[in-house]
């Protein structure tokens, strides 16, 4: 019984983290081998952090080098996949959060979800409007600050990696 609850909770946490995944698709007339040749082994620096492109099987991976980084950062891992589409190449760029970084953002979202749920339960079950509005305000404020920080950090890394791949491989 415990295993079933654990599996359901783990599955829901994975679904929750999917809001941080991004997928982009682009078409190109350049062959997959030429695109790989342009990208493999290259480094891109974003916010003073080095990202390296390397080949793993049929995919290219863009991995951050954060071994010596002291600051807490949420970083993406990007996979670049190539599909032949009738003489053209479809480039699929998928970014997801590193597993080591996923704990903090998931805790913030779960905490805010519980606060929102508590606020709505209090709203309909008691006459304590002040506590309800306070919980609602705090939860929304935390979410806004969190999402703004994610936009200037994690999602900015994704945008800049995507733009780098577009300029290097598709032009």
C-alpha atoms as a PDB file:
ATOM      1  CA  UNK A   1       0.000   0.000   0.000  1.00  0.00           C
ATOM      2  CA  UNK A   2       2.822   2.404   0.890  1.00  0.00           C
ATOM      3  CA  UNK A   3       4.549   1.643  -2.412  1.00  0.00           C
ATOM      4  CA  UNK A   4       1.404   2.611  -4.348  1.00  0.00           C
ATOM      5  CA  UNK A   5       1.155   5.964  -2.545  1.00  0.00           C
ATOM      6  CA  UNK A   6       4.869   6.595  -3.052  1.00  0.00           C
ATOM      7  CA  UNK A   7       4.578   5.834  -6.774  1.00  0.00           C
ATOM      8  CA  UNK A   8       1.568   8.137  -7.152  1.00  0.00           C
ATOM      9  CA  UNK A   9       3.335  10.947  -5.292  1.00  0.00           C
ATOM     10  CA  UNK A  10       6.519  10.491  -7.331  1.00  0.00           C
ATOM     11  CA  UNK A  11       4.519  10.455 -10.590  1.00  0.00           C
ATOM     12  CA  UNK A  12       2.726  13.667  -9.622  1.00  0.00           C
ATOM     13  CA  UNK A  13       6.024  15.373  -8.740  1.00  0.00           C
ATOM     14  CA  UNK A  14       7.379  14.430 -12.166  1.00  0.00           C
ATOM     15  CA  UNK A  15       4.259  15.913 -13.763  1.00  0.00           C
ATOM     16  CA  UNK A  16       4.699  19.041 -11.652  1.00  0.00           C
ATOM     17  CA  UNK A  17       8.271  19.513 -12.873  1.00  0.00           C
ATOM     18  CA  UNK A  18       7.123  19.326 -16.493  1.00  0.00           C
ATOM     19  CA  UNK A  19       6.211  23.022 -16.311  1.00  0.00           C
ATOM     20  CA  UNK A  20       9.959  23.670 -16.457  1.00  0.00           C
ATOM     21  CA  UNK A  21      10.500  21.660 -19.657  1.00  0.00           C
ATOM     22  CA  UNK A  22      10.659  23.454 -22.995  1.00  0.00           C
ATOM     23  CA  UNK A  23      10.597  22.030 -26.533  1.00  0.00           C
ATOM     24  CA  UNK A  24      11.292  23.960 -29.734  1.00  0.00           C
ATOM     25  CA  UNK A  25      11.185  22.723 -33.321  1.00  0.00           C
ATOM     26  CA  UNK A  26      12.900  24.335 -36.286  1.00  0.00           C
ATOM     27  CA  UNK A  27      13.265  23.384 -39.927  1.00  0.00           C
ATOM     28  CA  UNK A  28      16.545  23.617 -41.799  1.00  0.00           C
ATOM     29  CA  UNK A  29      17.819  22.782 -45.252  1.00  0.00           C
ATOM     30  CA  UNK A  30      21.224  21.856 -43.772  1.00  0.00           C
ATOM     31  CA  UNK A  31      21.986  18.150 -43.286  1.00  0.00           C
ATOM     32  CA  UNK A  32      22.085  16.723 -39.753  1.00  0.00           C
ATOM     33  CA  UNK A  33      25.771  15.816 -40.141  1.00  0.00           C
ATOM     34  CA  UNK A  34      26.670  19.389 -41.072  1.00  0.00           C
ATOM     35  CA  UNK A  35      24.694  20.774 -38.122  1.00  0.00           C
ATOM     36  CA  UNK A  36      26.420  18.327 -35.777  1.00  0.00           C
ATOM     37  CA  UNK A  37      29.802  19.316 -37.218  1.00  0.00           C
ATOM     38  CA  UNK A  38      29.019  22.993 -36.533  1.00  0.00           C
ATOM     39  CA  UNK A  39      28.015  22.361 -32.913  1.00  0.00           C
ATOM     40  CA  UNK A  40      29.955  19.403 -31.451  1.00  0.00           C
ATOM     41  CA  UNK A  41      32.804  20.439 -29.184  1.00  0.00           C
ATOM     42  CA  UNK A  42      31.783  24.095 -29.067  1.00  0.00           C
ATOM     43  CA  UNK A  43      31.390  26.049 -25.848  1.00  0.00           C
ATOM     44  CA  UNK A  44      28.956  28.850 -25.123  1.00  0.00           C
ATOM     45  CA  UNK A  45      29.211  31.166 -22.127  1.00  0.00           C
ATOM     46  CA  UNK A  46      25.979  32.377 -20.567  1.00  0.00           C
ATOM     47  CA  UNK A  47      26.032  34.535 -17.400  1.00  0.00           C
ATOM     48  CA  UNK A  48      29.710  33.621 -16.848  1.00  0.00           C
ATOM     49  CA  UNK A  49      28.871  29.904 -16.925  1.00  0.00           C
ATOM     50  CA  UNK A  50      30.314  27.544 -19.539  1.00  0.00           C
ATOM     51  CA  UNK A  51      28.044  25.172 -21.490  1.00  0.00           C
ATOM     52  CA  UNK A  52      29.551  22.483 -23.733  1.00  0.00           C
ATOM     53  CA  UNK A  53      27.946  20.751 -26.707  1.00  0.00           C
ATOM     54  CA  UNK A  54      28.821  17.088 -27.140  1.00  0.00           C
ATOM     55  CA  UNK A  55      27.445  14.114 -29.005  1.00  0.00           C
ATOM     56  CA  UNK A  56      25.797  11.177 -27.272  1.00  0.00           C
ATOM     57  CA  UNK A  57      24.416   8.620 -29.694  1.00  0.00           C
ATOM     58  CA  UNK A  58      22.138  10.348 -32.185  1.00  0.00           C
ATOM     59  CA  UNK A  59      21.586  13.337 -29.885  1.00  0.00           C
ATOM     60  CA  UNK A  60      23.609  16.404 -29.072  1.00  0.00           C
ATOM     61  CA  UNK A  61      23.649  17.460 -25.443  1.00  0.00           C
ATOM     62  CA  UNK A  62      24.341  20.916 -24.057  1.00  0.00           C
ATOM     63  CA  UNK A  63      25.610  20.461 -20.512  1.00  0.00           C
ATOM     64  CA  UNK A  64      26.607  23.177 -18.026  1.00  0.00           C
ATOM     65  CA  UNK A  65      30.024  23.021 -16.389  1.00  0.00           C
ATOM     66  CA  UNK A  66      29.049  24.010 -12.854  1.00  0.00           C
ATOM     67  CA  UNK A  67      31.521  21.885 -10.911  1.00  0.00           C
ATOM     68  CA  UNK A  68      33.276  24.905  -9.409  1.00  0.00           C
ATOM     69  CA  UNK A  69      30.188  27.083  -9.068  1.00  0.00           C
ATOM     70  CA  UNK A  70      29.513  28.202  -5.484  1.00  0.00           C
ATOM     71  CA  UNK A  71      26.194  29.971  -6.032  1.00  0.00           C
ATOM     72  CA  UNK A  72      22.930  28.057  -6.118  1.00  0.00           C
ATOM     73  CA  UNK A  73      21.642  28.020  -9.670  1.00  0.00           C
ATOM     74  CA  UNK A  74      18.944  26.092 -11.436  1.00  0.00           C
ATOM     75  CA  UNK A  75      20.447  24.943 -14.717  1.00  0.00           C
ATOM     76  CA  UNK A  76      19.028  23.192 -17.775  1.00  0.00           C
ATOM     77  CA  UNK A  77      20.246  20.189 -19.704  1.00  0.00           C
ATOM     78  CA  UNK A  78      19.423  20.519 -23.388  1.00  0.00           C
ATOM     79  CA  UNK A  79      19.064  17.735 -25.944  1.00  0.00           C
ATOM     80  CA  UNK A  80      19.187  18.485 -29.664  1.00  0.00           C
ATOM     81  CA  UNK A  81      17.638  15.877 -31.925  1.00  0.00           C
ATOM     82  CA  UNK A  82      17.605  15.731 -35.718  1.00  0.00           C
ATOM     83  CA  UNK A  83      14.844  14.235 -37.878  1.00  0.00           C
ATOM     84  CA  UNK A  84      14.867  13.937 -41.664  1.00  0.00           C
ATOM     85  CA  UNK A  85      11.661  15.289 -43.171  1.00  0.00           C
ATOM     86  CA  UNK A  86      11.768  14.815 -46.927  1.00  0.00           C
ATOM     87  CA  UNK A  87      15.044  16.516 -47.794  1.00  0.00           C
ATOM     88  CA  UNK A  88      14.832  18.921 -44.869  1.00  0.00           C
ATOM     89  CA  UNK A  89      16.066  18.507 -41.343  1.00  0.00           C
ATOM     90  CA  UNK A  90      13.823  19.126 -38.369  1.00  0.00           C
ATOM     91  CA  UNK A  91      15.828  20.256 -35.353  1.00  0.00           C
ATOM     92  CA  UNK A  92      14.138  19.515 -32.018  1.00  0.00           C
ATOM     93  CA  UNK A  93      15.582  21.297 -28.971  1.00  0.00           C
ATOM     94  CA  UNK A  94      14.399  19.950 -25.588  1.00  0.00           C
ATOM     95  CA  UNK A  95      15.457  21.529 -22.326  1.00  0.00           C
ATOM     96  CA  UNK A  96      14.750  20.160 -18.887  1.00  0.00           C
ATOM     97  CA  UNK A  97      15.914  20.896 -15.373  1.00  0.00           C
ATOM     98  CA  UNK A  98      18.847  18.970 -13.932  1.00  0.00           C
ATOM     99  CA  UNK A  99      17.660  16.407 -11.385  1.00  0.00           C
ATOM    100  CA  UNK A 100      19.977  17.839  -8.746  1.00  0.00           C
ATOM    101  CA  UNK A 101      18.308  21.266  -9.145  1.00  0.00           C
ATOM    102  CA  UNK A 102      14.681  20.121  -9.170  1.00  0.00           C
ATOM    103  CA  UNK A 103      14.172  19.931  -5.390  1.00  0.00           C
ATOM    104  CA  UNK A 104      14.012  23.634  -4.590  1.00  0.00           C
ATOM    105  CA  UNK A 105      11.557  24.700  -7.295  1.00  0.00           C
ATOM    106  CA  UNK A 106       9.271  21.740  -6.611  1.00  0.00           C
ATOM    107  CA  UNK A 107       9.210  22.557  -2.887  1.00  0.00           C
ATOM    108  CA  UNK A 108       8.307  26.185  -3.591  1.00  0.00           C
ATOM    109  CA  UNK A 109       5.455  25.174  -5.879  1.00  0.00           C
ATOM    110  CA  UNK A 110       4.134  22.526  -3.454  1.00  0.00           C
ATOM    111  CA  UNK A 111       4.325  24.992  -0.550  1.00  0.00           C
ATOM    112  CA  UNK A 112       2.413  27.641  -2.507  1.00  0.00           C
ATOM    113  CA  UNK A 113      -0.164  25.078  -3.659  1.00  0.00           C
ATOM    114  CA  UNK A 114      -0.811  24.054  -0.041  1.00  0.00           C
ATOM    115  CA  UNK A 115      -1.122  27.700   1.000  1.00  0.00           C
ATOM    116  CA  UNK A 116      -3.582  28.371  -1.824  1.00  0.00           C
ATOM    117  CA  UNK A 117      -5.600  25.281  -0.896  1.00  0.00           C
ATOM    118  CA  UNK A 118      -5.645  26.335   2.765  1.00  0.00           C
ATOM    119  CA  UNK A 119      -6.762  29.833   1.782  1.00  0.00           C
ATOM    120  CA  UNK A 120      -9.675  28.512  -0.271  1.00  0.00           C
ATOM    121  CA  UNK A 121     -10.686  26.026   2.435  1.00  0.00           C
ATOM    122  CA  UNK A 122     -10.666  28.826   5.010  1.00  0.00           C
ATOM    123  CA  UNK A 123     -12.576  31.099   2.653  1.00  0.00           C
ATOM    124  CA  UNK A 124     -15.486  28.667   2.399  1.00  0.00           C
ATOM    125  CA  UNK A 125     -15.405  27.142   5.879  1.00  0.00           C
ATOM    126  CA  UNK A 126     -14.880  30.058   8.268  1.00  0.00           C
ATOM    127  CA  UNK A 127     -15.498  33.733   8.676  1.00  0.00           C
ATOM    128  CA  UNK A 128     -11.798  34.568   9.078  1.00  0.00           C
ATOM    129  CA  UNK A 129     -11.402  36.655   5.939  1.00  0.00           C
ATOM    130  CA  UNK A 130      -8.239  38.385   7.109  1.00  0.00           C
ATOM    131  CA  UNK A 131      -6.286  35.136   7.545  1.00  0.00           C
ATOM    132  CA  UNK A 132      -7.626  33.855   4.229  1.00  0.00           C
ATOM    133  CA  UNK A 133      -6.574  36.936   2.295  1.00  0.00           C
ATOM    134  CA  UNK A 134      -3.210  36.986   4.046  1.00  0.00           C
ATOM    135  CA  UNK A 135      -2.495  33.362   3.060  1.00  0.00           C
ATOM    136  CA  UNK A 136      -3.658  34.048  -0.482  1.00  0.00           C
ATOM    137  CA  UNK A 137      -1.506  37.182  -0.763  1.00  0.00           C
ATOM    138  CA  UNK A 138       1.613  35.534   0.643  1.00  0.00           C
ATOM    139  CA  UNK A 139       1.231  32.544  -1.663  1.00  0.00           C
ATOM    140  CA  UNK A 140       0.753  34.674  -4.764  1.00  0.00           C
ATOM    141  CA  UNK A 141       3.637  36.967  -3.794  1.00  0.00           C
ATOM    142  CA  UNK A 142       5.970  33.974  -3.359  1.00  0.00           C
ATOM    143  CA  UNK A 143       4.859  32.574  -6.741  1.00  0.00           C
ATOM    144  CA  UNK A 144       5.404  35.894  -8.526  1.00  0.00           C
ATOM    145  CA  UNK A 145       8.880  36.371  -7.036  1.00  0.00           C
ATOM    146  CA  UNK A 146       9.776  32.731  -7.744  1.00  0.00           C
ATOM    147  CA  UNK A 147       8.589  32.883 -11.367  1.00  0.00           C
ATOM    148  CA  UNK A 148      10.387  36.193 -11.956  1.00  0.00           C
ATOM    149  CA  UNK A 149      13.623  34.688 -10.620  1.00  0.00           C
ATOM    150  CA  UNK A 150      13.136  31.641 -12.843  1.00  0.00           C
ATOM    151  CA  UNK A 151      12.605  33.890 -15.879  1.00  0.00           C
ATOM    152  CA  UNK A 152      15.844  35.774 -15.234  1.00  0.00           C
ATOM    153  CA  UNK A 153      17.808  32.610 -14.449  1.00  0.00           C
ATOM    154  CA  UNK A 154      16.723  29.175 -15.623  1.00  0.00           C
ATOM    155  CA  UNK A 155      14.505  30.226 -18.536  1.00  0.00           C
ATOM    156  CA  UNK A 156      17.088  32.805 -19.649  1.00  0.00           C
ATOM    157  CA  UNK A 157      19.673  30.007 -19.940  1.00  0.00           C
ATOM    158  CA  UNK A 158      17.200  28.067 -22.096  1.00  0.00           C
ATOM    159  CA  UNK A 159      16.489  31.075 -24.325  1.00  0.00           C
ATOM    160  CA  UNK A 160      20.169  31.809 -24.862  1.00  0.00           C
ATOM    161  CA  UNK A 161      21.050  28.174 -25.591  1.00  0.00           C
ATOM    162  CA  UNK A 162      18.181  28.001 -28.082  1.00  0.00           C
ATOM    163  CA  UNK A 163      19.341  31.219 -29.777  1.00  0.00           C
ATOM    164  CA  UNK A 164      22.924  29.921 -29.896  1.00  0.00           C
ATOM    165  CA  UNK A 165      21.821  26.711 -31.588  1.00  0.00           C
ATOM    166  CA  UNK A 166      19.669  28.664 -34.064  1.00  0.00           C
ATOM    167  CA  UNK A 167      22.455  31.054 -35.027  1.00  0.00           C
ATOM    168  CA  UNK A 168      25.205  28.412 -35.224  1.00  0.00           C
ATOM    169  CA  UNK A 169      23.325  25.572 -36.849  1.00  0.00           C
ATOM    170  CA  UNK A 170      20.401  26.940 -38.779  1.00  0.00           C
ATOM    171  CA  UNK A 171      21.908  29.963 -40.543  1.00  0.00           C
END
